[in-house]
């Protein structure tokens, strides 16, 4: 004769499965958010390093820094600078037009140069770092995270 399960035990099994799924999600979700944030920071810093690379090429060509992202992108395109000069990630290949914005907030980088073009500064609007300094010209091309 077959044994009949009590209805309470079926509900208990369903509850255990649901709680297990919730537990796995609460452990997995924050880890994924941390990984995604780290990837955005990495992309942001690579973009900033690419701006620095382009500024160095611009300086070699004109003897000054531009401090203007549109001029810099136009320079990259006009001079047909090789992609091998720039940094890429697995998730993002180099694209000059991507240099305008931070990938996390999609807001413009804070970017400028002194009137003579002797130094420039670049800052991420969400705090992923900066290159150069408005107040310390001797820090030109110096990155904050290395």
N, C-alpha and C. Protein backbone atom coordinates (compact mmCIF):
# COMPACT_ATOMS: atom_id res chain seq x y z
N UNK A 1 0.83 -1.17 0.00
CA UNK A 1 0.00 0.00 0.00
C UNK A 1 0.89 1.25 0.00
N UNK A 2 0.58 2.21 -0.88
CA UNK A 2 1.38 3.43 -1.02
C UNK A 2 1.09 4.38 0.13
N UNK A 3 2.18 5.03 0.55
CA UNK A 3 2.01 6.00 1.62
C UNK A 3 1.59 7.35 1.05
N UNK A 4 0.76 8.05 1.73
CA UNK A 4 0.28 9.36 1.31
C UNK A 4 1.06 10.42 2.08
N UNK A 5 1.61 11.39 1.34
CA UNK A 5 2.34 12.48 1.99
C UNK A 5 1.36 13.48 2.57
N UNK A 6 1.72 14.01 3.67
CA UNK A 6 0.88 15.05 4.26
C UNK A 6 1.02 16.32 3.45
N UNK A 7 -0.07 17.09 3.34
CA UNK A 7 -0.05 18.31 2.54
C UNK A 7 0.94 19.33 3.09
N UNK A 8 1.14 19.36 4.35
CA UNK A 8 2.08 20.30 4.97
C UNK A 8 3.50 20.08 4.51
N UNK A 9 3.87 18.84 4.25
CA UNK A 9 5.25 18.56 3.83
C UNK A 9 5.51 19.06 2.41
N UNK A 10 4.52 19.04 1.53
CA UNK A 10 4.67 19.57 0.17
C UNK A 10 4.89 21.09 0.24
N UNK A 11 4.10 21.76 1.05
CA UNK A 11 4.26 23.21 1.23
C UNK A 11 5.63 23.54 1.82
N UNK A 12 6.08 22.71 2.74
CA UNK A 12 7.39 22.92 3.34
C UNK A 12 8.50 22.76 2.30
N UNK A 13 8.37 21.76 1.44
CA UNK A 13 9.37 21.56 0.37
C UNK A 13 9.40 22.75 -0.59
N UNK A 14 8.22 23.25 -0.97
CA UNK A 14 8.15 24.43 -1.86
C UNK A 14 8.78 25.63 -1.17
N UNK A 15 8.49 25.82 0.10
CA UNK A 15 9.06 26.94 0.86
C UNK A 15 10.58 26.84 0.91
N UNK A 16 11.11 25.65 1.11
CA UNK A 16 12.56 25.46 1.15
C UNK A 16 13.19 25.80 -0.20
N UNK A 17 12.56 25.38 -1.29
CA UNK A 17 13.08 25.69 -2.63
C UNK A 17 13.06 27.20 -2.87
N UNK A 18 11.97 27.86 -2.53
CA UNK A 18 11.86 29.31 -2.72
C UNK A 18 12.91 30.03 -1.88
N UNK A 19 13.07 29.66 -0.65
CA UNK A 19 14.06 30.29 0.22
C UNK A 19 15.49 30.05 -0.28
N UNK A 20 15.74 28.88 -0.84
CA UNK A 20 17.06 28.59 -1.41
C UNK A 20 17.34 29.51 -2.59
N UNK A 21 16.35 29.69 -3.45
CA UNK A 21 16.50 30.59 -4.60
C UNK A 21 16.75 32.02 -4.13
N UNK A 22 16.00 32.48 -3.14
CA UNK A 22 16.19 33.83 -2.61
C UNK A 22 17.58 33.97 -2.01
N UNK A 23 18.05 32.99 -1.28
CA UNK A 23 19.38 33.03 -0.68
C UNK A 23 20.47 33.11 -1.74
N UNK A 24 20.36 32.28 -2.77
CA UNK A 24 21.34 32.31 -3.86
C UNK A 24 21.34 33.67 -4.53
N UNK A 25 20.16 34.23 -4.78
CA UNK A 25 20.05 35.54 -5.42
C UNK A 25 20.68 36.64 -4.56
N UNK A 26 20.46 36.61 -3.25
CA UNK A 26 21.01 37.66 -2.38
C UNK A 26 22.53 37.59 -2.30
N UNK A 27 23.09 36.42 -2.53
CA UNK A 27 24.55 36.29 -2.55
C UNK A 27 25.10 36.66 -3.93
N UNK A 28 24.43 36.23 -4.97
CA UNK A 28 24.90 36.40 -6.34
C UNK A 28 24.75 37.84 -6.84
N UNK A 29 23.63 38.49 -6.55
CA UNK A 29 23.33 39.82 -7.09
C UNK A 29 24.36 40.88 -6.69
N UNK A 30 24.71 41.03 -5.42
CA UNK A 30 25.72 42.03 -5.08
C UNK A 30 27.08 41.75 -5.74
N UNK A 31 27.43 40.50 -5.85
CA UNK A 31 28.71 40.17 -6.50
C UNK A 31 28.69 40.59 -7.96
N UNK A 32 27.57 40.41 -8.63
CA UNK A 32 27.45 40.83 -10.03
C UNK A 32 27.50 42.35 -10.15
N UNK A 33 26.87 43.04 -9.22
CA UNK A 33 26.90 44.51 -9.24
C UNK A 33 28.32 45.03 -9.02
N UNK A 34 29.05 44.39 -8.13
CA UNK A 34 30.44 44.79 -7.88
C UNK A 34 31.28 44.55 -9.12
N UNK A 35 31.10 43.42 -9.77
CA UNK A 35 31.85 43.14 -11.01
C UNK A 35 31.51 44.14 -12.11
N UNK A 36 30.24 44.47 -12.23
CA UNK A 36 29.81 45.43 -13.25
C UNK A 36 30.40 46.80 -12.97
N UNK A 37 30.42 47.21 -11.71
CA UNK A 37 31.02 48.51 -11.34
C UNK A 37 32.51 48.52 -11.63
N UNK A 38 33.20 47.44 -11.32
CA UNK A 38 34.63 47.36 -11.61
C UNK A 38 34.90 47.42 -13.11
N UNK A 39 34.07 46.80 -13.91
CA UNK A 39 34.23 46.84 -15.36
C UNK A 39 34.01 48.26 -15.89
N UNK A 40 32.99 48.96 -15.35
CA UNK A 40 32.76 50.35 -15.77
C UNK A 40 33.92 51.25 -15.38
N UNK A 41 34.48 51.02 -14.19
CA UNK A 41 35.64 51.80 -13.76
C UNK A 41 36.83 51.54 -14.68
N UNK A 42 37.03 50.29 -15.04
CA UNK A 42 38.13 49.91 -15.93
C UNK A 42 37.97 50.58 -17.30
N UNK A 43 36.76 50.53 -17.85
CA UNK A 43 36.50 51.16 -19.15
C UNK A 43 36.72 52.68 -19.05
N UNK A 44 36.23 53.27 -17.98
CA UNK A 44 36.39 54.70 -17.77
C UNK A 44 37.86 55.09 -17.74
N UNK A 45 38.64 54.36 -17.00
CA UNK A 45 40.07 54.67 -16.89
C UNK A 45 40.78 54.42 -18.22
N UNK A 46 40.38 53.41 -18.95
CA UNK A 46 40.97 53.20 -20.28
C UNK A 46 40.63 54.36 -21.20
N UNK A 47 39.40 54.85 -21.14
CA UNK A 47 39.02 56.01 -21.96
C UNK A 47 39.87 57.22 -21.58
N UNK A 48 40.06 57.42 -20.29
CA UNK A 48 40.87 58.55 -19.85
C UNK A 48 42.32 58.39 -20.31
N UNK A 49 42.85 57.18 -20.25
CA UNK A 49 44.21 56.93 -20.74
C UNK A 49 44.28 57.16 -22.25
N UNK A 50 43.21 56.83 -22.96
CA UNK A 50 43.17 57.08 -24.40
C UNK A 50 43.17 58.57 -24.71
N UNK A 51 42.47 59.34 -23.89
CA UNK A 51 42.51 60.79 -24.05
C UNK A 51 43.93 61.28 -23.83
N UNK A 52 44.60 60.74 -22.81
CA UNK A 52 45.99 61.12 -22.56
C UNK A 52 46.88 60.77 -23.75
N UNK A 53 46.70 59.57 -24.30
CA UNK A 53 47.49 59.16 -25.47
C UNK A 53 47.28 60.14 -26.63
N UNK A 54 46.02 60.49 -26.87
CA UNK A 54 45.71 61.41 -27.96
C UNK A 54 46.28 62.80 -27.68
N UNK A 55 46.21 63.24 -26.43
CA UNK A 55 46.78 64.55 -26.06
C UNK A 55 48.30 64.55 -26.30
N UNK A 56 48.96 63.46 -25.97
CA UNK A 56 50.40 63.38 -26.21
C UNK A 56 50.72 63.47 -27.70
N UNK A 57 49.93 62.79 -28.54
CA UNK A 57 50.13 62.87 -29.99
C UNK A 57 49.83 64.29 -30.49
N UNK A 58 48.79 64.90 -29.96
CA UNK A 58 48.44 66.27 -30.33
C UNK A 58 49.59 67.21 -29.96
N UNK A 59 50.15 67.01 -28.76
CA UNK A 59 51.26 67.84 -28.30
C UNK A 59 52.47 67.66 -29.22
N UNK A 60 52.76 66.42 -29.60
CA UNK A 60 53.87 66.17 -30.53
C UNK A 60 53.68 66.91 -31.85
N UNK A 61 52.44 66.99 -32.29
CA UNK A 61 52.12 67.62 -33.58
C UNK A 61 52.11 69.15 -33.51
N UNK A 62 51.51 69.71 -32.44
CA UNK A 62 51.28 71.16 -32.39
C UNK A 62 52.04 71.89 -31.28
N UNK A 63 52.71 71.16 -30.41
CA UNK A 63 53.48 71.80 -29.34
C UNK A 63 52.64 72.33 -28.21
N UNK A 64 51.39 71.91 -28.13
CA UNK A 64 50.51 72.31 -27.02
C UNK A 64 49.41 71.26 -26.87
N UNK A 65 48.73 71.30 -25.73
CA UNK A 65 47.60 70.41 -25.48
C UNK A 65 46.32 71.12 -25.90
N UNK A 66 45.34 70.35 -26.34
CA UNK A 66 44.10 70.97 -26.80
C UNK A 66 43.13 71.27 -25.66
N UNK A 67 42.91 70.31 -24.77
CA UNK A 67 41.96 70.54 -23.68
C UNK A 67 40.51 70.62 -24.15
N UNK A 68 40.26 70.25 -25.41
CA UNK A 68 38.92 70.28 -25.96
C UNK A 68 38.65 68.91 -26.60
N UNK A 69 37.65 68.23 -26.09
CA UNK A 69 37.43 66.85 -26.52
C UNK A 69 37.02 66.76 -27.99
N UNK A 70 36.25 67.72 -28.47
CA UNK A 70 35.84 67.67 -29.88
C UNK A 70 37.04 67.86 -30.80
N UNK A 71 37.93 68.79 -30.45
CA UNK A 71 39.14 68.99 -31.24
C UNK A 71 40.02 67.75 -31.20
N UNK A 72 40.08 67.12 -30.05
CA UNK A 72 40.91 65.94 -29.90
C UNK A 72 40.37 64.76 -30.72
N UNK A 73 39.08 64.56 -30.70
CA UNK A 73 38.46 63.49 -31.49
C UNK A 73 38.65 63.75 -32.98
N UNK A 74 38.48 65.00 -33.38
CA UNK A 74 38.69 65.37 -34.79
C UNK A 74 40.14 65.11 -35.18
N UNK A 75 41.08 65.39 -34.28
CA UNK A 75 42.50 65.14 -34.54
C UNK A 75 42.76 63.64 -34.73
N UNK A 76 42.19 62.81 -33.84
CA UNK A 76 42.38 61.36 -33.93
C UNK A 76 41.88 60.86 -35.29
N UNK A 77 40.71 61.33 -35.69
CA UNK A 77 40.12 60.88 -36.95
C UNK A 77 40.90 61.42 -38.15
N UNK A 78 41.29 62.69 -38.10
CA UNK A 78 41.99 63.31 -39.24
C UNK A 78 43.37 62.69 -39.45
N UNK A 79 44.06 62.41 -38.36
CA UNK A 79 45.41 61.84 -38.45
C UNK A 79 45.37 60.33 -38.62
N UNK A 80 44.17 59.76 -38.51
CA UNK A 80 44.01 58.31 -38.66
C UNK A 80 44.98 57.55 -37.75
N UNK A 81 45.00 57.95 -36.48
CA UNK A 81 45.90 57.33 -35.51
C UNK A 81 45.55 55.85 -35.37
N UNK A 82 46.53 54.98 -35.31
CA UNK A 82 46.25 53.54 -35.26
C UNK A 82 45.62 53.12 -33.93
N UNK A 83 44.71 52.16 -34.00
CA UNK A 83 44.05 51.65 -32.79
C UNK A 83 45.06 51.04 -31.81
N UNK A 84 46.19 50.57 -32.33
CA UNK A 84 47.20 49.95 -31.47
C UNK A 84 47.81 50.96 -30.49
N UNK A 85 47.65 52.24 -30.76
CA UNK A 85 48.14 53.29 -29.87
C UNK A 85 47.28 53.41 -28.63
N UNK A 86 46.04 52.92 -28.71
CA UNK A 86 45.06 53.13 -27.66
C UNK A 86 44.73 51.84 -26.92
N UNK A 87 44.10 52.00 -25.76
CA UNK A 87 43.72 50.88 -24.90
C UNK A 87 42.30 50.43 -25.23
N UNK A 88 42.06 49.14 -25.10
CA UNK A 88 40.74 48.54 -25.28
C UNK A 88 40.51 47.53 -24.17
N UNK A 89 39.27 47.17 -23.98
CA UNK A 89 38.94 46.09 -23.05
C UNK A 89 38.24 45.00 -23.87
N UNK A 90 37.99 43.89 -23.23
CA UNK A 90 37.28 42.80 -23.90
C UNK A 90 35.88 43.28 -24.30
N UNK A 91 35.25 44.07 -23.44
CA UNK A 91 33.87 44.50 -23.69
C UNK A 91 33.78 45.76 -24.54
N UNK A 92 34.89 46.49 -24.70
CA UNK A 92 34.84 47.73 -25.48
C UNK A 92 36.12 47.94 -26.26
N UNK A 93 35.99 47.94 -27.57
CA UNK A 93 37.12 48.25 -28.44
C UNK A 93 37.24 49.76 -28.55
N UNK A 94 38.42 50.25 -28.92
CA UNK A 94 38.64 51.69 -29.01
C UNK A 94 37.73 52.32 -30.06
N UNK A 95 37.09 53.40 -29.67
CA UNK A 95 36.24 54.20 -30.55
C UNK A 95 36.44 55.66 -30.15
N UNK A 96 36.95 56.51 -31.04
CA UNK A 96 37.20 57.91 -30.66
C UNK A 96 35.97 58.63 -30.11
N UNK A 97 34.80 58.32 -30.64
CA UNK A 97 33.59 59.01 -30.19
C UNK A 97 33.20 58.64 -28.76
N UNK A 98 33.71 57.53 -28.25
CA UNK A 98 33.39 57.12 -26.88
C UNK A 98 34.14 57.96 -25.84
N UNK A 99 35.12 58.74 -26.27
CA UNK A 99 35.95 59.48 -25.34
C UNK A 99 35.24 60.65 -24.67
N UNK A 100 34.08 60.99 -25.14
CA UNK A 100 33.35 62.14 -24.59
C UNK A 100 32.76 61.88 -23.21
N UNK A 101 32.35 60.64 -22.95
CA UNK A 101 31.53 60.38 -21.76
C UNK A 101 32.06 59.25 -20.89
N UNK A 102 31.80 59.40 -19.61
CA UNK A 102 32.07 58.33 -18.64
C UNK A 102 31.04 57.23 -18.87
N UNK A 103 31.46 55.96 -18.94
CA UNK A 103 30.51 54.89 -19.23
C UNK A 103 29.48 54.63 -18.13
N UNK A 104 29.79 54.99 -16.90
CA UNK A 104 28.84 54.70 -15.82
C UNK A 104 27.64 55.64 -15.86
N UNK A 105 27.90 56.94 -15.88
CA UNK A 105 26.82 57.92 -15.81
C UNK A 105 26.45 58.49 -17.16
N UNK A 106 27.23 58.18 -18.19
CA UNK A 106 27.03 58.75 -19.52
C UNK A 106 27.03 60.28 -19.48
N UNK A 107 27.85 60.84 -18.59
CA UNK A 107 28.02 62.29 -18.52
C UNK A 107 29.41 62.63 -19.02
N UNK A 108 29.57 63.88 -19.45
CA UNK A 108 30.83 64.32 -20.04
C UNK A 108 31.95 64.37 -19.00
N UNK A 109 33.15 64.03 -19.45
CA UNK A 109 34.33 64.20 -18.61
C UNK A 109 34.57 65.69 -18.38
N UNK A 110 35.17 66.01 -17.26
CA UNK A 110 35.57 67.39 -16.96
C UNK A 110 36.96 67.54 -17.56
N UNK A 111 37.08 68.41 -18.54
CA UNK A 111 38.26 68.43 -19.40
C UNK A 111 38.61 69.87 -19.72
N UNK A 112 39.88 70.22 -19.65
CA UNK A 112 40.29 71.57 -20.00
C UNK A 112 41.80 71.68 -20.10
N UNK A 113 42.24 72.85 -20.53
CA UNK A 113 43.67 73.14 -20.63
C UNK A 113 43.89 74.61 -20.30
N UNK A 114 45.11 74.95 -19.92
CA UNK A 114 45.42 76.35 -19.69
C UNK A 114 45.40 77.08 -21.04
N UNK A 115 45.38 78.39 -21.00
CA UNK A 115 45.23 79.17 -22.23
C UNK A 115 46.40 78.99 -23.20
N UNK A 116 47.58 78.67 -22.69
CA UNK A 116 48.75 78.47 -23.55
C UNK A 116 48.88 77.03 -24.04
N UNK A 117 48.07 76.12 -23.48
CA UNK A 117 48.13 74.72 -23.88
C UNK A 117 49.35 73.99 -23.34
N UNK A 118 49.92 74.50 -22.24
CA UNK A 118 51.10 73.85 -21.66
C UNK A 118 50.73 72.66 -20.78
N UNK A 119 49.52 72.64 -20.26
CA UNK A 119 49.06 71.50 -19.48
C UNK A 119 47.54 71.38 -19.62
N UNK A 120 47.04 70.22 -19.30
CA UNK A 120 45.60 69.97 -19.35
C UNK A 120 45.20 69.15 -18.13
N UNK A 121 43.91 69.05 -17.91
CA UNK A 121 43.39 68.22 -16.83
C UNK A 121 42.15 67.49 -17.33
N UNK A 122 41.93 66.37 -16.74
CA UNK A 122 40.81 65.50 -17.12
C UNK A 122 40.32 64.81 -15.86
N UNK A 123 39.01 64.84 -15.64
CA UNK A 123 38.46 64.24 -14.42
C UNK A 123 37.19 63.48 -14.75
N UNK A 124 37.04 62.32 -14.14
CA UNK A 124 35.82 61.53 -14.28
C UNK A 124 34.74 62.16 -13.41
N UNK A 125 33.55 62.37 -13.95
CA UNK A 125 32.48 63.01 -13.17
C UNK A 125 31.92 62.14 -12.04
N UNK A 126 32.19 60.83 -12.05
CA UNK A 126 31.67 59.97 -10.98
C UNK A 126 32.78 59.50 -10.03
N UNK A 127 33.97 60.05 -10.16
CA UNK A 127 35.03 59.77 -9.21
C UNK A 127 35.93 58.59 -9.51
N UNK A 128 36.03 58.18 -10.77
CA UNK A 128 36.91 57.07 -11.11
C UNK A 128 38.37 57.50 -11.28
N UNK A 129 38.65 58.76 -11.09
CA UNK A 129 40.02 59.23 -11.15
C UNK A 129 40.18 60.48 -11.99
N UNK A 130 41.43 60.91 -12.12
CA UNK A 130 41.72 62.10 -12.91
C UNK A 130 43.13 62.00 -13.48
N UNK A 131 43.38 62.81 -14.49
CA UNK A 131 44.70 62.93 -15.09
C UNK A 131 45.06 64.41 -15.10
N UNK A 132 46.27 64.72 -14.67
CA UNK A 132 46.69 66.12 -14.62
C UNK A 132 45.98 66.86 -13.50
N UNK A 133 46.19 68.17 -13.47
CA UNK A 133 45.58 68.98 -12.43
C UNK A 133 45.48 70.42 -12.90
N UNK A 134 44.35 71.03 -12.59
CA UNK A 134 44.15 72.44 -12.92
C UNK A 134 45.06 73.31 -12.06
N UNK A 135 45.33 72.86 -10.84
CA UNK A 135 46.09 73.64 -9.87
C UNK A 135 47.59 73.33 -9.86
N UNK A 136 47.99 72.18 -10.40
CA UNK A 136 49.40 71.78 -10.37
C UNK A 136 49.87 71.44 -11.79
N UNK A 137 50.35 72.43 -12.52
CA UNK A 137 50.79 72.19 -13.90
C UNK A 137 51.87 71.11 -14.02
N UNK A 138 52.64 70.90 -12.97
CA UNK A 138 53.69 69.88 -13.02
C UNK A 138 53.13 68.46 -13.05
N UNK A 139 51.85 68.31 -12.78
CA UNK A 139 51.21 66.99 -12.80
C UNK A 139 50.63 66.62 -14.16
N UNK A 140 51.02 67.32 -15.20
CA UNK A 140 50.47 67.05 -16.53
C UNK A 140 50.73 65.58 -16.88
N UNK A 141 49.73 64.91 -17.39
CA UNK A 141 49.75 63.49 -17.78
C UNK A 141 49.87 62.51 -16.62
N UNK A 142 49.88 62.97 -15.41
CA UNK A 142 49.95 62.08 -14.24
C UNK A 142 48.55 61.58 -13.91
N UNK A 143 48.41 60.25 -13.78
CA UNK A 143 47.12 59.67 -13.45
C UNK A 143 47.01 59.44 -11.96
N UNK A 144 45.79 59.55 -11.45
CA UNK A 144 45.59 59.46 -10.00
C UNK A 144 45.57 58.02 -9.49
N UNK A 145 45.38 57.04 -10.33
CA UNK A 145 45.19 55.66 -9.87
C UNK A 145 46.42 54.78 -10.03
N UNK A 146 47.50 55.29 -10.52
CA UNK A 146 48.71 54.45 -10.68
C UNK A 146 49.73 54.80 -9.63
